[in-house]
Amino acid sequence: MATIIDAILAINPSARVSLADEDVNQITWLEGTSSISNEDILAKQSELVITDATAKAQKISDKASGNQKLLDLGLSQDEVDALMEKR
């Protein structure tokens, strides 16, 4: 899951912050880093969570699709598993 720090760094990769208890209300902006609104941070965090979930779902879909294509070529599931190094 994307953290608050992940969200801050996605908005400002050079941000320097201190964070307590993964609480957006407990951010200390360090070394002159311009603050980012809590709303923007939480919106970016939600976006990162959705992006990560979408990527994971796509990977699962791609794996199933590739598996089926190999089966359609006439390989057995054991052969496909061996190619995929399932053990």
Protein backbone atom coordinates (compact mmCIF):
# COMPACT_ATOMS: atom_id res chain seq x y z
CA MET A 1 0.00 0.00 0.00
CA ALA A 2 1.17 3.50 -0.77
CA THR A 3 2.19 5.46 2.30
CA ILE A 4 1.86 9.15 3.01
CA ILE A 5 5.59 9.50 2.41
CA ASP A 6 5.16 7.75 -0.97
CA ALA A 7 2.47 10.27 -1.87
CA ILE A 8 4.57 13.25 -0.77
CA LEU A 9 7.56 12.03 -2.76
CA ALA A 10 5.38 11.39 -5.80
CA ILE A 11 4.33 15.04 -5.66
CA ASN A 12 7.74 16.42 -4.72
CA PRO A 13 10.64 13.95 -5.11
CA SER A 14 13.03 16.23 -3.23
CA ALA A 15 10.75 16.80 -0.23
CA ARG A 16 12.24 16.43 3.22
CA VAL A 17 9.70 15.57 5.89
CA SER A 18 9.22 13.90 9.21
CA LEU A 19 6.02 11.96 9.80
CA ALA A 20 4.57 10.50 12.98
CA ASP A 21 2.24 7.50 13.05
CA GLU A 22 1.45 7.64 9.31
CA ASP A 23 -0.82 10.58 10.17
CA VAL A 24 -1.17 13.30 7.56
CA ASN A 25 -1.80 15.76 10.38
CA GLN A 26 1.60 15.02 11.91
CA ILE A 27 3.90 16.04 9.06
CA THR A 28 6.86 18.28 9.81
CA TRP A 29 8.28 19.92 6.69
CA LEU A 30 12.07 20.03 6.89
CA GLU A 31 14.93 21.89 5.20
CA GLY A 32 12.71 24.53 3.64
CA THR A 33 10.46 22.04 1.86
CA SER A 34 7.25 23.75 0.78
CA SER A 35 4.24 22.18 2.42
CA ILE A 36 1.67 20.25 0.42
CA SER A 37 -1.97 20.34 1.47
CA ASN A 38 -3.34 17.31 3.30
CA GLU A 39 -6.02 16.99 0.62
CA ASP A 40 -3.42 16.83 -2.17
CA ILE A 41 -1.37 14.26 -0.25
CA LEU A 42 -4.39 12.05 0.43
CA ALA A 43 -5.57 12.36 -3.19
CA LYS A 44 -2.13 11.31 -4.44
CA GLN A 45 -2.05 8.44 -1.96
CA SER A 46 -5.40 7.19 -3.27
CA GLU A 47 -4.15 7.53 -6.84
CA LEU A 48 -1.03 5.50 -6.01
CA VAL A 49 -3.13 2.78 -4.35
CA ILE A 50 -5.35 2.54 -7.43
CA THR A 51 -2.36 2.51 -9.78
CA ASP A 52 -0.72 -0.27 -7.76
CA ALA A 53 -3.92 -2.34 -7.67
CA THR A 54 -4.40 -1.88 -11.41
CA ALA A 55 -0.82 -2.96 -12.11
CA LYS A 56 -1.22 -6.06 -9.92
CA ALA A 57 -4.50 -6.97 -11.63
CA GLN A 58 -2.90 -6.50 -15.05
CA LYS A 59 0.00 -8.76 -14.09
CA ILE A 60 -2.42 -11.49 -13.00
CA SER A 61 -4.39 -11.08 -16.22
CA ASP A 62 -1.25 -11.16 -18.36
CA LYS A 63 -0.05 -14.31 -16.62
CA ALA A 64 -3.39 -16.07 -17.16
CA SER A 65 -3.49 -14.95 -20.78
CA GLY A 66 0.05 -16.16 -21.44
CA ASN A 67 -0.70 -19.46 -19.74
CA GLN A 68 -3.78 -19.96 -21.91
CA LYS A 69 -1.88 -19.11 -25.10
CA LEU A 70 0.72 -21.76 -24.28
CA LEU A 71 -2.04 -24.28 -23.61
CA ASP A 72 -3.65 -23.34 -26.93
CA LEU A 73 -0.34 -24.12 -28.63
CA GLY A 74 -0.64 -27.67 -27.34
CA LEU A 75 1.55 -27.61 -24.26
CA SER A 76 0.30 -29.42 -21.17
CA GLN A 77 -0.20 -27.51 -17.93
CA ASP A 78 2.80 -29.39 -16.50
CA GLU A 79 4.94 -28.14 -19.39
CA VAL A 80 3.68 -24.58 -18.93
CA ASP A 81 4.36 -24.80 -15.21
CA ALA A 82 7.89 -26.04 -15.91
CA LEU A 83 8.48 -23.12 -18.27
CA MET A 84 7.18 -20.72 -15.63
CA GLU A 85 9.33 -22.44 -12.98
CA LYS A 86 6.39 -23.21 -10.72
CA ARG A 87 7.52 -25.53 -7.98
